[in-house]
Full PDB file with SEQRES, HELIX, SHEET, SSBOND, CRYST1, ORIGX, SCALE, CONECT and MASTER records, all heavy atoms in Angstrom:
SEQRES   1 A   34  ALA GLY CYS LEU ALA CYS HIS LYS LEU ASP GLY GLN GLY          
SEQRES   2 A   34  GLN VAL ILE ALA PRO ASP LEU THR HIS VAL GLY SER ARG          
SEQRES   3 A   34  ARG ASP ALA GLU SER ILE ARG LYS                              
HELIX    1 AA1 CYS A    3  ALA A    5  5                                   3    
HELIX    2 AA2 VAL A   23  SER A   25  5                                   3    
HELIX    3 AA3 ALA A   29  ARG A   33  1                                   5    
SHEET    1 AA1 2 LYS A   8  LEU A   9  0                                        
SHEET    2 AA1 2 GLN A  12  GLY A  13 -1                                        
CRYST1    1.000    1.000    1.000  90.00  90.00  90.00 P 1           1          
ORIGX1      1.000000  0.000000  0.000000        0.00000                         
ORIGX2      0.000000  1.000000  0.000000        0.00000                         
ORIGX3      0.000000  0.000000  1.000000        0.00000                         
SCALE1      1.000000  0.000000  0.000000        0.00000                         
SCALE2      0.000000  1.000000  0.000000        0.00000                         
SCALE3      0.000000  0.000000  1.000000        0.00000                         
ATOM      1  N   ALA A   1     -36.195  22.118-148.696  1.00  0.00           N  
ATOM      2  CA  ALA A   1     -36.203  23.580-148.629  1.00  0.00           C  
ATOM      3  C   ALA A   1     -37.192  24.107-147.594  1.00  0.00           C  
ATOM      4  O   ALA A   1     -37.169  25.294-147.267  1.00  0.00           O  
ATOM      5  CB  ALA A   1     -36.548  24.155-150.003  1.00  0.00           C  
ATOM      6  N   GLY A   2     -38.058  23.236-147.094  1.00  0.00           N  
ATOM      7  CA  GLY A   2     -39.019  23.670-146.091  1.00  0.00           C  
ATOM      8  C   GLY A   2     -40.130  24.536-146.662  1.00  0.00           C  
ATOM      9  O   GLY A   2     -40.714  25.364-145.950  1.00  0.00           O  
ATOM     10  N   CYS A   3     -40.454  24.335-147.944  1.00  0.00           N  
ATOM     11  CA  CYS A   3     -41.474  25.172-148.594  1.00  0.00           C  
ATOM     12  C   CYS A   3     -42.830  25.092-147.902  1.00  0.00           C  
ATOM     13  O   CYS A   3     -43.574  26.075-147.847  1.00  0.00           O  
ATOM     14  CB  CYS A   3     -41.626  24.765-150.058  1.00  0.00           C  
ATOM     15  SG  CYS A   3     -40.103  24.843-151.022  1.00  0.00           S  
ATOM     16  N   LEU A   4     -43.156  23.905-147.386  1.00  0.00           N  
ATOM     17  CA  LEU A   4     -44.467  23.708-146.779  1.00  0.00           C  
ATOM     18  C   LEU A   4     -44.590  24.365-145.410  1.00  0.00           C  
ATOM     19  O   LEU A   4     -45.658  24.335-144.802  1.00  0.00           O  
ATOM     20  CB  LEU A   4     -44.770  22.211-146.671  1.00  0.00           C  
ATOM     21  CG  LEU A   4     -44.775  21.446-147.994  1.00  0.00           C  
ATOM     22  CD1 LEU A   4     -45.205  20.006-147.788  1.00  0.00           C  
ATOM     23  CD2 LEU A   4     -45.701  22.122-149.017  1.00  0.00           C  
ATOM     24  N   ALA A   5     -43.504  24.955-144.938  1.00  0.00           N  
ATOM     25  CA  ALA A   5     -43.580  25.706-143.691  1.00  0.00           C  
ATOM     26  C   ALA A   5     -44.393  26.982-143.885  1.00  0.00           C  
ATOM     27  O   ALA A   5     -44.934  27.540-142.925  1.00  0.00           O  
ATOM     28  CB  ALA A   5     -42.178  26.057-143.188  1.00  0.00           C  
ATOM     29  N   CYS A   6     -44.493  27.435-145.145  1.00  0.00           N  
ATOM     30  CA  CYS A   6     -45.255  28.653-145.444  1.00  0.00           C  
ATOM     31  C   CYS A   6     -46.355  28.412-146.474  1.00  0.00           C  
ATOM     32  O   CYS A   6     -47.417  29.014-146.406  1.00  0.00           O  
ATOM     33  CB  CYS A   6     -44.318  29.750-145.952  1.00  0.00           C  
ATOM     34  SG  CYS A   6     -43.147  30.365-144.728  1.00  0.00           S  
ATOM     35  N   HIS A   7     -46.064  27.544-147.443  1.00  0.00           N  
ATOM     36  CA  HIS A   7     -47.001  27.307-148.541  1.00  0.00           C  
ATOM     37  C   HIS A   7     -47.784  26.012-148.353  1.00  0.00           C  
ATOM     38  O   HIS A   7     -47.285  25.064-147.744  1.00  0.00           O  
ATOM     39  CB  HIS A   7     -46.245  27.217-149.869  1.00  0.00           C  
ATOM     40  CG  HIS A   7     -45.536  28.460-150.261  1.00  0.00           C  
ATOM     41  ND1 HIS A   7     -46.169  29.543-150.834  1.00  0.00           N  
ATOM     42  CD2 HIS A   7     -44.212  28.806-150.167  1.00  0.00           C  
ATOM     43  CE1 HIS A   7     -45.285  30.493-151.080  1.00  0.00           C  
ATOM     44  NE2 HIS A   7     -44.094  30.073-150.683  1.00  0.00           N  
ATOM     45  N   LYS A   8     -48.967  25.975-148.922  1.00  0.00           N  
ATOM     46  CA  LYS A   8     -49.754  24.755-148.951  1.00  0.00           C  
ATOM     47  C   LYS A   8     -49.664  24.165-150.348  1.00  0.00           C  
ATOM     48  O   LYS A   8     -49.680  24.884-151.344  1.00  0.00           O  
ATOM     49  CB  LYS A   8     -51.218  25.049-148.608  1.00  0.00           C  
ATOM     50  CG  LYS A   8     -52.021  23.816-148.211  1.00  0.00           C  
ATOM     51  CD  LYS A   8     -53.328  24.206-147.555  1.00  0.00           C  
ATOM     52  CE  LYS A   8     -54.035  22.975-146.973  1.00  0.00           C  
ATOM     53  NZ  LYS A   8     -55.259  23.350-146.233  1.00  0.00           N  
ATOM     54  N   LEU A   9     -49.531  22.838-150.416  1.00  0.00           N  
ATOM     55  CA  LEU A   9     -49.425  22.163-151.701  1.00  0.00           C  
ATOM     56  C   LEU A   9     -50.048  20.783-151.590  1.00  0.00           C  
ATOM     57  O   LEU A   9     -49.643  19.983-150.751  1.00  0.00           O  
ATOM     58  CB  LEU A   9     -47.962  22.048-152.130  1.00  0.00           C  
ATOM     59  CG  LEU A   9     -47.693  21.347-153.466  1.00  0.00           C  
ATOM     60  CD1 LEU A   9     -48.323  22.133-154.612  1.00  0.00           C  
ATOM     61  CD2 LEU A   9     -46.196  21.189-153.695  1.00  0.00           C  
ATOM     62  N   ASP A  10     -51.053  20.529-152.400  1.00  0.00           N  
ATOM     63  CA  ASP A  10     -51.726  19.231-152.409  1.00  0.00           C  
ATOM     64  C   ASP A  10     -52.228  18.819-151.025  1.00  0.00           C  
ATOM     65  O   ASP A  10     -52.079  17.672-150.607  1.00  0.00           O  
ATOM     66  CB  ASP A  10     -50.789  18.154-152.963  1.00  0.00           C  
ATOM     67  CG  ASP A  10     -50.402  18.415-154.415  1.00  0.00           C  
ATOM     68  OD1 ASP A  10     -51.190  19.091-155.118  1.00  0.00           O  
ATOM     69  OD2 ASP A  10     -49.322  17.961-154.838  1.00  0.00           O  
ATOM     70  N   GLY A  11     -52.780  19.778-150.284  1.00  0.00           N  
ATOM     71  CA  GLY A  11     -53.385  19.478-148.993  1.00  0.00           C  
ATOM     72  C   GLY A  11     -52.436  19.458-147.820  1.00  0.00           C  
ATOM     73  O   GLY A  11     -52.869  19.256-146.676  1.00  0.00           O  
ATOM     74  N   GLN A  12     -51.157  19.683-148.055  1.00  0.00           N  
ATOM     75  CA  GLN A  12     -50.180  19.697-146.971  1.00  0.00           C  
ATOM     76  C   GLN A  12     -49.543  21.070-146.861  1.00  0.00           C  
ATOM     77  O   GLN A  12     -49.448  21.808-147.841  1.00  0.00           O  
ATOM     78  CB  GLN A  12     -49.094  18.641-147.210  1.00  0.00           C  
ATOM     79  CG  GLN A  12     -49.613  17.212-147.238  1.00  0.00           C  
ATOM     80  CD  GLN A  12     -48.494  16.200-147.420  1.00  0.00           C  
ATOM     81  OE1 GLN A  12     -47.417  16.541-147.877  1.00  0.00           O  
ATOM     82  NE2 GLN A  12     -48.751  14.962-147.043  1.00  0.00           N  
ATOM     83  N   GLY A  13     -49.088  21.411-145.641  1.00  0.00           N  
ATOM     84  CA  GLY A  13     -48.378  22.663-145.427  1.00  0.00           C  
ATOM     85  C   GLY A  13     -49.201  23.729-144.735  1.00  0.00           C  
ATOM     86  O   GLY A  13     -50.318  23.487-144.275  1.00  0.00           O  
ATOM     87  N   GLN A  14     -48.620  24.918-144.677  1.00  0.00           N  
ATOM     88  CA  GLN A  14     -49.217  26.050-143.980  1.00  0.00           C  
ATOM     89  C   GLN A  14     -49.847  27.019-144.980  1.00  0.00           C  
ATOM     90  O   GLN A  14     -49.641  26.900-146.199  1.00  0.00           O  
ATOM     91  CB  GLN A  14     -48.161  26.767-143.140  1.00  0.00           C  
ATOM     92  CG  GLN A  14     -47.441  25.874-142.147  1.00  0.00           C  
ATOM     93  CD  GLN A  14     -48.343  25.417-141.017  1.00  0.00           C  
ATOM     94  OE1 GLN A  14     -49.223  26.156-140.577  1.00  0.00           O  
ATOM     95  NE2 GLN A  14     -48.112  24.199-140.533  1.00  0.00           N  
ATOM     96  N   VAL A  15     -50.605  27.975-144.470  1.00  0.00           N  
ATOM     97  CA  VAL A  15     -51.279  28.944-145.332  1.00  0.00           C  
ATOM     98  C   VAL A  15     -50.761  30.355-145.063  1.00  0.00           C  
ATOM     99  O   VAL A  15     -51.478  31.330-145.219  1.00  0.00           O  
ATOM    100  CB  VAL A  15     -52.810  28.899-145.139  1.00  0.00           C  
ATOM    101  CG1 VAL A  15     -53.375  27.615-145.675  1.00  0.00           C  
ATOM    102  CG2 VAL A  15     -53.168  29.061-143.660  1.00  0.00           C  
ATOM    103  N   ILE A  16     -49.496  30.444-144.666  1.00  0.00           N  
ATOM    104  CA  ILE A  16     -48.894  31.755-144.403  1.00  0.00           C  
ATOM    105  C   ILE A  16     -48.654  32.497-145.706  1.00  0.00           C  
ATOM    106  O   ILE A  16     -48.880  33.702-145.813  1.00  0.00           O  
ATOM    107  CB  ILE A  16     -47.577  31.577-143.629  1.00  0.00           C  
ATOM    108  CG1 ILE A  16     -47.845  30.929-142.267  1.00  0.00           C  
ATOM    109  CG2 ILE A  16     -46.865  32.920-143.448  1.00  0.00           C  
ATOM    110  CD1 ILE A  16     -46.606  30.538-141.509  1.00  0.00           C  
ATOM    111  N   ALA A  17     -48.187  31.781-146.714  1.00  0.00           N  
ATOM    112  CA  ALA A  17     -47.896  32.339-148.032  1.00  0.00           C  
ATOM    113  C   ALA A  17     -48.876  31.748-149.046  1.00  0.00           C  
ATOM    114  O   ALA A  17     -49.664  30.859-148.712  1.00  0.00           O  
ATOM    115  CB  ALA A  17     -46.446  32.037-148.401  1.00  0.00           C  
ATOM    116  N   PRO A  18     -48.862  32.206-150.293  1.00  0.00           N  
ATOM    117  CA  PRO A  18     -49.823  31.719-151.291  1.00  0.00           C  
ATOM    118  C   PRO A  18     -49.859  30.198-151.432  1.00  0.00           C  
ATOM    119  O   PRO A  18     -48.830  29.530-151.384  1.00  0.00           O  
ATOM    120  CB  PRO A  18     -49.329  32.378-152.586  1.00  0.00           C  
ATOM    121  CG  PRO A  18     -48.684  33.644-152.129  1.00  0.00           C  
ATOM    122  CD  PRO A  18     -48.012  33.292-150.829  1.00  0.00           C  
ATOM    123  N   ASP A  19     -51.062  29.666-151.622  1.00  0.00           N  
ATOM    124  CA  ASP A  19     -51.278  28.242-151.849  1.00  0.00           C  
ATOM    125  C   ASP A  19     -50.703  27.885-153.220  1.00  0.00           C  
ATOM    126  O   ASP A  19     -50.989  28.545-154.223  1.00  0.00           O  
ATOM    127  CB  ASP A  19     -52.777  27.951-151.804  1.00  0.00           C  
ATOM    128  CG  ASP A  19     -53.098  26.463-151.752  1.00  0.00           C  
ATOM    129  OD1 ASP A  19     -52.372  25.676-152.388  1.00  0.00           O  
ATOM    130  OD2 ASP A  19     -54.076  26.089-151.080  1.00  0.00           O  
ATOM    131  N   LEU A  20     -49.903  26.825-153.276  1.00  0.00           N  
ATOM    132  CA  LEU A  20     -49.252  26.428-154.521  1.00  0.00           C  
ATOM    133  C   LEU A  20     -49.975  25.295-155.243  1.00  0.00           C  
ATOM    134  O   LEU A  20     -49.518  24.852-156.303  1.00  0.00           O  
ATOM    135  CB  LEU A  20     -47.805  25.995-154.235  1.00  0.00           C  
ATOM    136  CG  LEU A  20     -46.890  27.045-153.603  1.00  0.00           C  
ATOM    137  CD1 LEU A  20     -45.504  26.459-153.373  1.00  0.00           C  
ATOM    138  CD2 LEU A  20     -46.810  28.297-154.469  1.00  0.00           C  
ATOM    139  N   THR A  21     -51.086  24.834-154.690  1.00  0.00           N  
ATOM    140  CA  THR A  21     -51.781  23.686-155.270  1.00  0.00           C  
ATOM    141  C   THR A  21     -52.166  23.920-156.730  1.00  0.00           C  
ATOM    142  O   THR A  21     -52.094  23.002-157.554  1.00  0.00           O  
ATOM    143  CB  THR A  21     -53.031  23.353-154.444  1.00  0.00           C  
ATOM    144  OG1 THR A  21     -52.639  23.111-153.078  1.00  0.00           O  
ATOM    145  CG2 THR A  21     -53.713  22.112-154.979  1.00  0.00           C  
ATOM    146  N   HIS A  22     -52.555  25.147-157.068  1.00  0.00           N  
ATOM    147  CA  HIS A  22     -52.935  25.462-158.448  1.00  0.00           C  
ATOM    148  C   HIS A  22     -52.076  26.605-158.996  1.00  0.00           C  
ATOM    149  O   HIS A  22     -52.540  27.400-159.816  1.00  0.00           O  
ATOM    150  CB  HIS A  22     -54.416  25.845-158.505  1.00  0.00           C  
ATOM    151  CG  HIS A  22     -55.337  24.789-157.986  1.00  0.00           C  
ATOM    152  ND1 HIS A  22     -55.513  23.563-158.608  1.00  0.00           N  
ATOM    153  CD2 HIS A  22     -56.109  24.748-156.865  1.00  0.00           C  
ATOM    154  CE1 HIS A  22     -56.361  22.833-157.924  1.00  0.00           C  
ATOM    155  NE2 HIS A  22     -56.744  23.518-156.857  1.00  0.00           N  
ATOM    156  N   VAL A  23     -50.820  26.658-158.553  1.00  0.00           N  
ATOM    157  CA  VAL A  23     -49.949  27.767-158.954  1.00  0.00           C  
ATOM    158  C   VAL A  23     -49.737  27.796-160.460  1.00  0.00           C  
ATOM    159  O   VAL A  23     -49.555  28.858-161.058  1.00  0.00           O  
ATOM    160  CB  VAL A  23     -48.586  27.669-158.223  1.00  0.00           C  
ATOM    161  CG1 VAL A  23     -47.821  26.412-158.606  1.00  0.00           C  
ATOM    162  CG2 VAL A  23     -47.745  28.916-158.483  1.00  0.00           C  
ATOM    163  N   GLY A  24     -49.800  26.624-161.127  1.00  0.00           N  
ATOM    164  CA  GLY A  24     -49.597  26.575-162.564  1.00  0.00           C  
ATOM    165  C   GLY A  24     -50.682  27.258-163.369  1.00  0.00           C  
ATOM    166  O   GLY A  24     -50.491  27.562-164.547  1.00  0.00           O  
ATOM    167  N   SER A  25     -51.817  27.515-162.733  1.00  0.00           N  
ATOM    168  CA  SER A  25     -52.916  28.189-163.439  1.00  0.00           C  
ATOM    169  C   SER A  25     -52.699  29.697-163.496  1.00  0.00           C  
ATOM    170  O   SER A  25     -53.369  30.390-164.272  1.00  0.00           O  
ATOM    171  CB  SER A  25     -54.251  27.884-162.750  1.00  0.00           C  
ATOM    172  OG  SER A  25     -54.272  28.403-161.427  1.00  0.00           O  
ATOM    173  N   ARG A  26     -51.777  30.195-162.677  1.00  0.00           N  
ATOM    174  CA  ARG A  26     -51.516  31.636-162.678  1.00  0.00           C  
ATOM    175  C   ARG A  26     -50.070  31.995-162.990  1.00  0.00           C  
ATOM    176  O   ARG A  26     -49.757  33.156-163.228  1.00  0.00           O  
ATOM    177  CB  ARG A  26     -51.908  32.238-161.317  1.00  0.00           C  
ATOM    178  CG  ARG A  26     -51.189  31.660-160.119  1.00  0.00           C  
ATOM    179  CD  ARG A  26     -51.687  32.284-158.811  1.00  0.00           C  
ATOM    180  NE  ARG A  26     -50.929  31.853-157.650  1.00  0.00           N  
ATOM    181  CZ  ARG A  26     -51.201  30.781-156.929  1.00  0.00           C  
ATOM    182  NH1 ARG A  26     -52.259  30.020-157.261  1.00  0.00           N  
ATOM    183  NH2 ARG A  26     -50.458  30.458-155.879  1.00  0.00           N  
ATOM    184  N   ARG A  27     -49.190  31.000-162.986  1.00  0.00           N  
ATOM    185  CA  ARG A  27     -47.785  31.248-163.323  1.00  0.00           C  
ATOM    186  C   ARG A  27     -47.278  30.134-164.237  1.00  0.00           C  
ATOM    187  O   ARG A  27     -47.597  28.967-164.029  1.00  0.00           O  
ATOM    188  CB  ARG A  27     -46.897  31.290-162.077  1.00  0.00           C  
ATOM    189  CG  ARG A  27     -47.068  32.504-161.174  1.00  0.00           C  
ATOM    190  CD  ARG A  27     -46.098  32.416-160.003  1.00  0.00           C  
ATOM    191  NE  ARG A  27     -46.208  33.515-159.074  1.00  0.00           N  
ATOM    192  CZ  ARG A  27     -45.548  34.662-159.170  1.00  0.00           C  
ATOM    193  NH1 ARG A  27     -44.708  34.830-160.190  1.00  0.00           N  
ATOM    194  NH2 ARG A  27     -45.706  35.610-158.279  1.00  0.00           N  
ATOM    195  N   ASP A  28     -46.473  30.493-165.245  1.00  0.00           N  
ATOM    196  CA  ASP A  28     -45.828  29.465-166.055  1.00  0.00           C  
ATOM    197  C   ASP A  28     -44.464  29.151-165.440  1.00  0.00           C  
ATOM    198  O   ASP A  28     -44.065  29.754-164.439  1.00  0.00           O  
ATOM    199  CB  ASP A  28     -45.698  29.911-167.510  1.00  0.00           C  
ATOM    200  CG  ASP A  28     -44.911  31.222-167.662  1.00  0.00           C  
ATOM    201  OD1 ASP A  28     -44.206  31.627-166.703  1.00  0.00           O  
ATOM    202  OD2 ASP A  28     -45.000  31.833-168.739  1.00  0.00           O  
ATOM    203  N   ALA A  29     -43.750  28.199-166.026  1.00  0.00           N  
ATOM    204  CA  ALA A  29     -42.470  27.758-165.460  1.00  0.00           C  
ATOM    205  C   ALA A  29     -41.468  28.897-165.372  1.00  0.00           C  
ATOM    206  O   ALA A  29     -40.721  29.014-164.394  1.00  0.00           O  
ATOM    207  CB  ALA A  29     -41.899  26.613-166.299  1.00  0.00           C  
ATOM    208  N   GLU A  30     -41.447  29.753-166.385  1.00  0.00           N  
ATOM    209  CA  GLU A  30     -40.501  30.873-166.374  1.00  0.00           C  
ATOM    210  C   GLU A  30     -40.777  31.829-165.219  1.00  0.00           C  
ATOM    211  O   GLU A  30     -39.861  32.296-164.538  1.00  0.00           O  
ATOM    212  CB  GLU A  30     -40.563  31.623-167.698  1.00  0.00           C  
ATOM    213  CG  GLU A  30     -39.561  32.769-167.791  1.00  0.00           C  
ATOM    214  CD  GLU A  30     -39.604  33.472-169.139  1.00  0.00           C  
ATOM    215  OE1 GLU A  30     -40.349  33.012-170.028  1.00  0.00           O  
ATOM    216  OE2 GLU A  30     -38.898  34.473-169.296  1.00  0.00           O  
ATOM    217  N   SER A  31     -42.068  32.116-164.991  1.00  0.00           N  
ATOM    218  CA  SER A  31     -42.441  33.004-163.896  1.00  0.00           C  
ATOM    219  C   SER A  31     -42.095  32.394-162.538  1.00  0.00           C  
ATOM    220  O   SER A  31     -41.616  33.076-161.640  1.00  0.00           O  
ATOM    221  CB  SER A  31     -43.941  33.308-163.966  1.00  0.00           C  
ATOM    222  OG  SER A  31     -44.357  34.063-162.845  1.00  0.00           O  
ATOM    223  N   ILE A  32     -42.326  31.090-162.395  1.00  0.00           N  
ATOM    224  CA  ILE A  32     -42.013  30.398-161.139  1.00  0.00           C  
ATOM    225  C   ILE A  32     -40.506  30.399-160.904  1.00  0.00           C  
ATOM    226  O   ILE A  32     -40.032  30.642-159.787  1.00  0.00           O  
ATOM    227  CB  ILE A  32     -42.552  28.963-161.181  1.00  0.00           C  
ATOM    228  CG1 ILE A  32     -44.087  28.981-161.180  1.00  0.00           C  
ATOM    229  CG2 ILE A  32     -42.036  28.150-159.987  1.00  0.00           C  
ATOM    230  CD1 ILE A  32     -44.725  27.631-161.416  1.00  0.00           C  
ATOM    231  N   ARG A  33     -39.749  30.124-161.961  1.00  0.00           N  
ATOM    232  CA  ARG A  33     -38.293  30.121-161.853  1.00  0.00           C  
ATOM    233  C   ARG A  33     -37.784  31.493-161.406  1.00  0.00           C  
ATOM    234  O   ARG A  33     -36.920  31.597-160.533  1.00  0.00           O  
ATOM    235  CB  ARG A  33     -37.689  29.742-163.203  1.00  0.00           C  
ATOM    236  CG  ARG A  33     -36.195  29.458-163.157  1.00  0.00           C  
ATOM    237  CD  ARG A  33     -35.629  29.242-164.558  1.00  0.00           C  
ATOM    238  NE  ARG A  33     -36.363  28.238-165.287  1.00  0.00           N  
ATOM    239  CZ  ARG A  33     -37.043  28.480-166.409  1.00  0.00           C  
ATOM    240  NH1 ARG A  33     -37.111  29.724-166.886  1.00  0.00           N  
ATOM    241  NH2 ARG A  33     -37.668  27.516-167.035  1.00  0.00           N  
ATOM    242  N   LYS A  34     -38.335  32.529-161.998  1.00  0.00           N  
ATOM    243  CA  LYS A  34     -37.918  33.884-161.656  1.00  0.00           C  
ATOM    244  C   LYS A  34     -38.274  34.223-160.215  1.00  0.00           C  
ATOM    245  O   LYS A  34     -37.507  34.865-159.495  1.00  0.00           O  
ATOM    246  CB  LYS A  34     -38.583  34.892-162.606  1.00  0.00           C  
ATOM    247  CG  LYS A  34     -38.134  36.325-162.398  1.00  0.00           C  
ATOM    248  CD  LYS A  34     -38.763  37.247-163.430  1.00  0.00           C  
ATOM    249  CE  LYS A  34     -38.287  38.693-163.236  1.00  0.00           C  
ATOM    250  NZ  LYS A  34     -38.918  39.595-164.252  1.00  0.00           N  
TER     251      LYS A  34                                                      
MASTER        0    0    0    3    2    0    0    6  250    1    0    3          
END                                                                             
């Protein structure tokens, strides 16, 4: 999906959009799915 073109995750990717490394601390699965 090319998510890392905008997001950072586990030290990889760009910082154009929110960092997803700790996304689970602010969103649950339902929120992420939505």
